[in-house]
Amino acid sequence: MQRLTLRRRLSYNTTSNKRKKVKTPGGKVVYIYVKKRGTFPKCGDCKSKLFGIKPSRPRERTSMSKRLKTVNRPYGGSRCHTCVRNRIIRAFMMEEQKVLKQLIKSKKEEKRKQMPQNIKNKLIADNFRKSKKKKKKKKKKKKK
């Protein structure tokens, strides 16, 4: 059993101070400090692993090339493929909804333009009465 001397000043067995014994070509046994393993980057939405990206430590990432840090897709090194797909679908559906709302609004306006004036006034008065009744009901509920 050979006694070994530490190369650094930190003597505690911490995660940043892991070491292994290695035999040098001269026959000496010395400590070599082992670096921490890099982790896979994770998706910002679902926290799953991002495949196709090299696992690395933050300091290593600064010197890595862009090819190793991203995937050729929108939100490449930040979101997984399923979350990107969901975002695209959600955006499309929102746009469709906006278009539908506009269509419905324009149809209502066309109907109002076609109605005679006396019917329009009657509808406006009915809507006004309904809104007053709703306000009264809300006040009664609050009092109880």
N, C-alpha and C. Protein backbone atom coordinates (compact mmCIF):
# COMPACT_ATOMS: atom_id res chain seq x y z
N MET A 1 0.85 -1.19 0.00
CA MET A 1 0.00 0.00 0.00
C MET A 1 0.88 1.24 0.00
N GLN A 2 0.67 2.06 -1.01
CA GLN A 2 1.49 3.27 -1.12
C GLN A 2 0.69 4.48 -0.67
N ARG A 3 1.35 5.35 0.07
CA ARG A 3 0.69 6.58 0.51
C ARG A 3 0.74 7.58 -0.63
N LEU A 4 -0.39 8.31 -0.79
CA LEU A 4 -0.45 9.29 -1.87
C LEU A 4 -0.61 10.69 -1.30
N THR A 5 -0.02 11.66 -1.99
CA THR A 5 -0.20 13.05 -1.57
C THR A 5 -1.21 13.71 -2.49
N LEU A 6 -2.01 14.59 -1.91
CA LEU A 6 -3.00 15.32 -2.70
C LEU A 6 -2.30 16.39 -3.53
N ARG A 7 -2.84 16.68 -4.70
CA ARG A 7 -2.27 17.71 -5.55
C ARG A 7 -2.86 19.08 -5.25
N ARG A 8 -4.07 19.07 -4.72
CA ARG A 8 -4.73 20.33 -4.39
C ARG A 8 -4.86 20.44 -2.88
N ARG A 9 -5.28 21.59 -2.41
CA ARG A 9 -5.36 21.81 -0.97
C ARG A 9 -6.62 21.23 -0.33
N LEU A 10 -7.67 21.08 -1.11
CA LEU A 10 -8.93 20.57 -0.56
C LEU A 10 -8.78 19.08 -0.25
N SER A 11 -8.99 18.73 1.03
CA SER A 11 -8.78 17.34 1.43
C SER A 11 -10.07 16.58 1.69
N TYR A 12 -11.21 17.29 1.67
CA TYR A 12 -12.48 16.63 1.98
C TYR A 12 -13.03 15.89 0.76
N ASN A 13 -13.82 14.86 1.05
CA ASN A 13 -14.37 14.03 -0.02
C ASN A 13 -15.68 14.63 -0.53
N THR A 14 -15.58 15.72 -1.25
CA THR A 14 -16.77 16.38 -1.78
C THR A 14 -16.98 15.99 -3.24
N THR A 15 -18.12 16.40 -3.80
CA THR A 15 -18.41 16.05 -5.20
C THR A 15 -17.45 16.71 -6.17
N SER A 16 -16.94 17.88 -5.80
CA SER A 16 -16.01 18.58 -6.70
C SER A 16 -14.57 18.11 -6.50
N ASN A 17 -14.32 17.22 -5.52
CA ASN A 17 -12.96 16.78 -5.21
C ASN A 17 -12.79 15.27 -5.41
N LYS A 18 -13.49 14.70 -6.36
CA LYS A 18 -13.36 13.26 -6.63
C LYS A 18 -12.00 13.01 -7.30
N ARG A 19 -11.37 11.90 -6.92
CA ARG A 19 -10.07 11.58 -7.52
C ARG A 19 -9.96 10.08 -7.73
N LYS A 20 -9.11 9.70 -8.67
CA LYS A 20 -8.84 8.28 -8.87
C LYS A 20 -7.34 8.06 -8.93
N LYS A 21 -6.92 6.84 -8.61
CA LYS A 21 -5.49 6.51 -8.61
C LYS A 21 -5.10 6.03 -10.00
N VAL A 22 -3.98 6.55 -10.49
CA VAL A 22 -3.49 6.19 -11.82
C VAL A 22 -1.99 5.93 -11.73
N LYS A 23 -1.55 4.92 -12.44
CA LYS A 23 -0.11 4.61 -12.45
C LYS A 23 0.54 5.33 -13.63
N THR A 24 1.56 6.10 -13.35
CA THR A 24 2.26 6.86 -14.40
C THR A 24 3.27 5.96 -15.10
N PRO A 25 3.79 6.39 -16.26
CA PRO A 25 4.80 5.58 -16.96
C PRO A 25 6.06 5.34 -16.14
N GLY A 26 6.32 6.23 -15.17
CA GLY A 26 7.50 6.06 -14.31
C GLY A 26 7.28 5.08 -13.18
N GLY A 27 6.09 4.52 -13.07
CA GLY A 27 5.81 3.53 -12.04
C GLY A 27 5.22 4.11 -10.77
N LYS A 28 5.05 5.43 -10.72
CA LYS A 28 4.46 6.07 -9.54
C LYS A 28 2.93 5.97 -9.59
N VAL A 29 2.31 5.92 -8.45
CA VAL A 29 0.84 5.98 -8.39
C VAL A 29 0.48 7.38 -7.89
N VAL A 30 -0.35 8.08 -8.67
CA VAL A 30 -0.73 9.46 -8.30
C VAL A 30 -2.25 9.62 -8.39
N TYR A 31 -2.74 10.67 -7.75
CA TYR A 31 -4.15 11.02 -7.86
C TYR A 31 -4.39 11.83 -9.12
N ILE A 32 -5.48 11.52 -9.81
CA ILE A 32 -5.95 12.37 -10.91
C ILE A 32 -7.36 12.81 -10.52
N TYR A 33 -7.61 14.10 -10.62
CA TYR A 33 -8.91 14.64 -10.24
C TYR A 33 -9.90 14.44 -11.38
N VAL A 34 -11.05 13.87 -11.03
CA VAL A 34 -12.08 13.55 -12.01
C VAL A 34 -13.07 14.70 -12.09
N LYS A 35 -13.37 15.13 -13.31
CA LYS A 35 -14.34 16.21 -13.48
C LYS A 35 -15.75 15.67 -13.26
N LYS A 36 -16.66 16.56 -12.89
CA LYS A 36 -18.06 16.16 -12.74
C LYS A 36 -18.62 15.83 -14.11
N ARG A 37 -19.57 14.91 -14.13
CA ARG A 37 -20.21 14.56 -15.40
C ARG A 37 -21.19 15.64 -15.80
N GLY A 38 -21.24 15.90 -17.10
CA GLY A 38 -22.19 16.90 -17.60
C GLY A 38 -23.59 16.32 -17.65
N THR A 39 -24.58 17.17 -17.56
CA THR A 39 -25.97 16.72 -17.63
C THR A 39 -26.57 17.09 -18.97
N PHE A 40 -27.59 16.33 -19.36
CA PHE A 40 -28.32 16.67 -20.58
C PHE A 40 -29.10 17.95 -20.33
N PRO A 41 -29.14 18.85 -21.30
CA PRO A 41 -30.03 20.01 -21.13
C PRO A 41 -31.48 19.53 -21.10
N LYS A 42 -32.34 20.26 -20.39
CA LYS A 42 -33.73 19.84 -20.25
C LYS A 42 -34.68 20.84 -20.91
N CYS A 43 -35.82 20.33 -21.33
CA CYS A 43 -36.85 21.16 -21.98
C CYS A 43 -37.40 22.15 -20.96
N GLY A 44 -37.57 23.39 -21.38
CA GLY A 44 -38.08 24.42 -20.49
C GLY A 44 -39.53 24.22 -20.08
N ASP A 45 -40.31 23.50 -20.89
CA ASP A 45 -41.73 23.30 -20.59
C ASP A 45 -41.97 22.02 -19.79
N CYS A 46 -41.54 20.87 -20.34
CA CYS A 46 -41.89 19.58 -19.72
C CYS A 46 -40.74 18.96 -18.92
N LYS A 47 -39.59 19.58 -18.91
CA LYS A 47 -38.41 19.13 -18.14
C LYS A 47 -37.87 17.77 -18.56
N SER A 48 -38.13 17.35 -19.81
CA SER A 48 -37.56 16.08 -20.28
C SER A 48 -36.20 16.36 -20.92
N LYS A 49 -35.40 15.30 -21.11
CA LYS A 49 -34.06 15.46 -21.71
C LYS A 49 -34.17 15.92 -23.15
N LEU A 50 -33.24 16.79 -23.56
CA LEU A 50 -33.17 17.21 -24.96
C LEU A 50 -32.12 16.34 -25.65
N PHE A 51 -32.58 15.43 -26.50
CA PHE A 51 -31.64 14.56 -27.19
C PHE A 51 -31.04 15.26 -28.39
N GLY A 52 -29.85 14.81 -28.81
CA GLY A 52 -29.17 15.43 -29.93
C GLY A 52 -28.26 16.55 -29.48
N ILE A 53 -28.21 16.79 -28.17
CA ILE A 53 -27.35 17.83 -27.62
C ILE A 53 -26.38 17.17 -26.66
N LYS A 54 -25.12 17.51 -26.78
CA LYS A 54 -24.09 16.86 -25.98
C LYS A 54 -24.22 17.26 -24.51
N PRO A 55 -24.24 16.28 -23.59
CA PRO A 55 -24.28 16.63 -22.17
C PRO A 55 -22.95 17.27 -21.76
N SER A 56 -23.00 18.38 -21.04
CA SER A 56 -21.76 19.08 -20.70
C SER A 56 -21.95 19.94 -19.45
N ARG A 57 -20.83 20.38 -18.90
CA ARG A 57 -20.82 21.31 -17.78
C ARG A 57 -20.99 22.73 -18.34
N PRO A 58 -21.52 23.65 -17.55
CA PRO A 58 -21.75 25.01 -18.06
C PRO A 58 -20.50 25.68 -18.61
N ARG A 59 -19.36 25.48 -17.95
CA ARG A 59 -18.11 26.12 -18.40
C ARG A 59 -17.68 25.55 -19.75
N GLU A 60 -17.86 24.25 -19.94
CA GLU A 60 -17.50 23.61 -21.21
C GLU A 60 -18.37 24.14 -22.34
N ARG A 61 -19.64 24.41 -22.03
CA ARG A 61 -20.60 24.86 -23.04
C ARG A 61 -20.17 26.15 -23.72
N THR A 62 -19.44 27.00 -23.00
CA THR A 62 -19.01 28.27 -23.58
C THR A 62 -18.03 28.06 -24.72
N SER A 63 -17.20 27.03 -24.62
CA SER A 63 -16.20 26.79 -25.67
C SER A 63 -16.67 25.78 -26.73
N MET A 64 -17.85 25.18 -26.52
CA MET A 64 -18.37 24.22 -27.50
C MET A 64 -18.90 24.94 -28.73
N SER A 65 -18.87 24.26 -29.88
CA SER A 65 -19.40 24.86 -31.10
C SER A 65 -20.93 24.82 -31.07
N LYS A 66 -21.54 25.66 -31.89
CA LYS A 66 -23.00 25.77 -31.92
C LYS A 66 -23.64 24.45 -32.33
N ARG A 67 -22.96 23.72 -33.20
CA ARG A 67 -23.46 22.44 -33.71
C ARG A 67 -23.73 21.45 -32.58
N LEU A 68 -22.92 21.49 -31.53
CA LEU A 68 -23.07 20.56 -30.41
C LEU A 68 -24.13 21.01 -29.40
N LYS A 69 -24.50 22.29 -29.46
CA LYS A 69 -25.42 22.84 -28.46
C LYS A 69 -26.86 22.97 -28.91
N THR A 70 -27.14 22.83 -30.20
CA THR A 70 -28.50 23.03 -30.69
C THR A 70 -28.95 21.91 -31.61
N VAL A 71 -30.23 21.95 -31.96
CA VAL A 71 -30.81 21.06 -32.95
C VAL A 71 -31.43 21.96 -33.99
N ASN A 72 -31.39 21.56 -35.26
CA ASN A 72 -31.85 22.43 -36.34
C ASN A 72 -33.38 22.42 -36.42
N ARG A 73 -33.98 23.25 -35.59
CA ARG A 73 -35.44 23.32 -35.47
C ARG A 73 -35.76 24.61 -34.71
N PRO A 74 -36.94 25.19 -34.87
CA PRO A 74 -37.28 26.33 -34.01
C PRO A 74 -37.22 25.91 -32.54
N TYR A 75 -36.76 26.76 -31.68
CA TYR A 75 -36.53 26.47 -30.25
C TYR A 75 -35.54 25.31 -30.08
N GLY A 76 -34.54 25.23 -30.96
CA GLY A 76 -33.59 24.12 -31.03
C GLY A 76 -33.03 23.59 -29.74
N GLY A 77 -32.25 24.35 -29.00
CA GLY A 77 -31.63 23.79 -27.81
C GLY A 77 -32.40 24.09 -26.54
N SER A 78 -33.64 24.54 -26.68
CA SER A 78 -34.38 25.00 -25.52
C SER A 78 -35.65 24.21 -25.23
N ARG A 79 -36.36 23.76 -26.28
CA ARG A 79 -37.61 23.01 -26.10
C ARG A 79 -37.55 21.69 -26.87
N CYS A 80 -38.26 20.68 -26.36
CA CYS A 80 -38.29 19.38 -27.03
C CYS A 80 -39.28 19.42 -28.20
N HIS A 81 -39.21 18.41 -29.06
CA HIS A 81 -40.02 18.40 -30.29
C HIS A 81 -41.52 18.40 -30.01
N THR A 82 -41.95 17.70 -28.96
CA THR A 82 -43.39 17.65 -28.68
C THR A 82 -43.92 19.01 -28.21
N CYS A 83 -43.13 19.70 -27.39
CA CYS A 83 -43.56 21.01 -26.89
C CYS A 83 -43.59 22.03 -28.03
N VAL A 84 -42.64 21.94 -28.96
CA VAL A 84 -42.63 22.85 -30.12
C VAL A 84 -43.87 22.59 -30.96
N ARG A 85 -44.19 21.32 -31.16
CA ARG A 85 -45.37 20.93 -31.94
C ARG A 85 -46.64 21.50 -31.30
N ASN A 86 -46.74 21.34 -29.97
CA ASN A 86 -47.91 21.85 -29.25
C ASN A 86 -48.02 23.36 -29.36
N ARG A 87 -46.88 24.05 -29.31
CA ARG A 87 -46.89 25.52 -29.43
C ARG A 87 -47.39 25.95 -30.79
N ILE A 88 -46.92 25.25 -31.83
CA ILE A 88 -47.33 25.60 -33.20
C ILE A 88 -48.83 25.38 -33.36
N ILE A 89 -49.33 24.24 -32.88
CA ILE A 89 -50.76 23.92 -32.98
C ILE A 89 -51.58 24.96 -32.21
N ARG A 90 -51.12 25.31 -31.00
CA ARG A 90 -51.85 26.29 -30.18
C ARG A 90 -51.93 27.64 -30.88
N ALA A 91 -50.80 28.07 -31.46
CA ALA A 91 -50.78 29.36 -32.16
C ALA A 91 -51.74 29.35 -33.36
N PHE A 92 -51.75 28.23 -34.09
CA PHE A 92 -52.63 28.09 -35.25
C PHE A 92 -54.09 28.16 -34.82
N MET A 93 -54.43 27.45 -33.75
CA MET A 93 -55.81 27.43 -33.26
C MET A 93 -56.26 28.82 -32.79
N MET A 94 -55.36 29.55 -32.15
CA MET A 94 -55.69 30.90 -31.68
C MET A 94 -56.01 31.80 -32.87
N GLU A 95 -55.20 31.68 -33.93
CA GLU A 95 -55.44 32.49 -35.14
C GLU A 95 -56.79 32.14 -35.76
N GLU A 96 -57.09 30.84 -35.81
CA GLU A 96 -58.37 30.39 -36.36
C GLU A 96 -59.54 30.97 -35.55
N GLN A 97 -59.38 30.97 -34.24
CA GLN A 97 -60.43 31.48 -33.36
C GLN A 97 -60.67 32.97 -33.61
N LYS A 98 -59.58 33.72 -33.80
CA LYS A 98 -59.70 35.16 -34.07
C LYS A 98 -60.46 35.40 -35.37
N VAL A 99 -60.14 34.60 -36.39
CA VAL A 99 -60.81 34.74 -37.69
C VAL A 99 -62.30 34.43 -37.54
N LEU A 100 -62.64 33.37 -36.80
CA LEU A 100 -64.04 33.02 -36.58
C LEU A 100 -64.80 34.13 -35.86
N LYS A 101 -64.17 34.71 -34.84
CA LYS A 101 -64.82 35.80 -34.11
C LYS A 101 -65.13 36.96 -35.04
N GLN A 102 -64.16 37.28 -35.91
CA GLN A 102 -64.38 38.38 -36.85
C GLN A 102 -65.53 38.08 -37.80
N LEU A 103 -65.59 36.84 -38.29
CA LEU A 103 -66.68 36.44 -39.18
C LEU A 103 -68.04 36.58 -38.51
N ILE A 104 -68.14 36.08 -37.30
CA ILE A 104 -69.41 36.15 -36.56
C ILE A 104 -69.81 37.60 -36.34
N LYS A 105 -68.84 38.43 -35.98
CA LYS A 105 -69.11 39.84 -35.74
C LYS A 105 -69.61 40.53 -37.01
N SER A 106 -68.95 40.23 -38.13
CA SER A 106 -69.36 40.86 -39.40
C SER A 106 -70.76 40.40 -39.82
N LYS A 107 -71.09 39.12 -39.58
CA LYS A 107 -72.43 38.61 -39.91
C LYS A 107 -73.50 39.31 -39.08
N LYS A 108 -73.22 39.52 -37.78
CA LYS A 108 -74.17 40.21 -36.92
C LYS A 108 -74.41 41.63 -37.41
N GLU A 109 -73.33 42.30 -37.80
CA GLU A 109 -73.46 43.68 -38.30
C GLU A 109 -74.28 43.73 -39.58
N GLU A 110 -74.07 42.75 -40.45
CA GLU A 110 -74.85 42.69 -41.70
C GLU A 110 -76.34 42.50 -41.40
N LYS A 111 -76.65 41.62 -40.44
CA LYS A 111 -78.06 41.39 -40.06
C LYS A 111 -78.69 42.66 -39.51
N ARG A 112 -77.93 43.39 -38.70
CA ARG A 112 -78.45 44.63 -38.11
C ARG A 112 -78.72 45.67 -39.19
N LYS A 113 -77.85 45.71 -40.18
CA LYS A 113 -78.03 46.67 -41.27
C LYS A 113 -79.30 46.35 -42.08
N GLN A 114 -79.61 45.07 -42.20
CA GLN A 114 -80.78 44.65 -42.97
C GLN A 114 -82.09 44.85 -42.21
N MET A 115 -82.04 44.89 -40.87
CA MET A 115 -83.25 45.04 -40.06
C MET A 115 -83.83 46.44 -40.19
N PRO A 116 -85.17 46.54 -40.10
CA PRO A 116 -85.79 47.87 -40.07
C PRO A 116 -85.46 48.58 -38.75
N GLN A 117 -85.56 49.90 -38.73
CA GLN A 117 -85.14 50.72 -37.58
C GLN A 117 -85.95 50.42 -36.32
N ASN A 118 -87.27 50.22 -36.43
CA ASN A 118 -88.10 49.99 -35.24
C ASN A 118 -87.72 48.68 -34.53
N ILE A 119 -87.35 47.64 -35.28
CA ILE A 119 -86.94 46.36 -34.66
C ILE A 119 -85.59 46.53 -33.96
N LYS A 120 -84.69 47.30 -34.58
CA LYS A 120 -83.38 47.57 -33.97
C LYS A 120 -83.55 48.23 -32.60
N ASN A 121 -84.41 49.25 -32.54
CA ASN A 121 -84.64 49.96 -31.28
C ASN A 121 -85.21 49.03 -30.22
N LYS A 122 -86.12 48.15 -30.63
CA LYS A 122 -86.74 47.20 -29.72
C LYS A 122 -85.67 46.25 -29.13
N LEU A 123 -84.77 45.74 -29.99
CA LEU A 123 -83.70 44.84 -29.54
C LEU A 123 -82.78 45.53 -28.54
N ILE A 124 -82.44 46.77 -28.82
CA ILE A 124 -81.56 47.53 -27.92
C ILE A 124 -82.23 47.70 -26.56
N ALA A 125 -83.53 48.03 -26.56
CA ALA A 125 -84.27 48.21 -25.30
C ALA A 125 -84.34 46.90 -24.52
N ASP A 126 -84.59 45.77 -25.20
CA ASP A 126 -84.64 44.46 -24.54
C ASP A 126 -83.31 44.12 -23.88
N ASN A 127 -82.23 44.35 -24.59
CA ASN A 127 -80.89 44.07 -24.04
C ASN A 127 -80.62 44.92 -22.80
N PHE A 128 -81.08 46.16 -22.83
CA PHE A 128 -80.89 47.08 -21.71
C PHE A 128 -81.65 46.57 -20.48
N ARG A 129 -82.91 46.11 -20.68
CA ARG A 129 -83.73 45.58 -19.58
C ARG A 129 -83.09 44.33 -18.97
N LYS A 130 -82.60 43.43 -19.84
CA LYS A 130 -81.97 42.19 -19.36
C LYS A 130 -80.75 42.49 -18.50
N SER A 131 -79.95 43.44 -18.93
CA SER A 131 -78.74 43.77 -18.16
C SER A 131 -79.11 44.36 -16.80
N LYS A 132 -80.21 45.14 -16.72
CA LYS A 132 -80.66 45.70 -15.45
C LYS A 132 -81.11 44.59 -14.50
N LYS A 133 -81.85 43.59 -15.03
CA LYS A 133 -82.32 42.47 -14.21
C LYS A 133 -81.14 41.69 -13.64
N LYS A 134 -80.12 41.47 -14.46
CA LYS A 134 -78.94 40.73 -13.99
C LYS A 134 -78.26 41.47 -12.85
N LYS A 135 -78.16 42.80 -12.97
CA LYS A 135 -77.53 43.60 -11.92
C LYS A 135 -78.31 43.49 -10.62
N LYS A 136 -79.66 43.52 -10.70
CA LYS A 136 -80.49 43.40 -9.51
C LYS A 136 -80.29 42.05 -8.83
N LYS A 137 -80.22 40.97 -9.63
CA LYS A 137 -80.02 39.63 -9.07
C LYS A 137 -78.68 39.54 -8.35
N LYS A 138 -77.65 40.12 -8.93
CA LYS A 138 -76.32 40.10 -8.31
C LYS A 138 -76.33 40.83 -6.97
N LYS A 139 -77.04 41.97 -6.91
CA LYS A 139 -77.12 42.74 -5.67
C LYS A 139 -77.83 41.93 -4.59
N LYS A 140 -78.91 41.22 -4.95
CA LYS A 140 -79.64 40.40 -3.99
C LYS A 140 -78.76 39.28 -3.44
N LYS A 141 -77.98 38.65 -4.31
CA LYS A 141 -77.09 37.57 -3.87
C LYS A 141 -76.03 38.09 -2.90
N LYS A 142 -75.51 39.27 -3.15
CA LYS A 142 -74.49 39.85 -2.27
C LYS A 142 -75.05 40.16 -0.89
N LYS A 143 -76.32 40.61 -0.82
CA LYS A 143 -76.95 40.94 0.45
C LYS A 143 -77.14 39.70 1.31
N LYS A 144 -77.45 38.57 0.69
CA LYS A 144 -77.66 37.32 1.43
C LYS A 144 -76.35 36.87 2.01
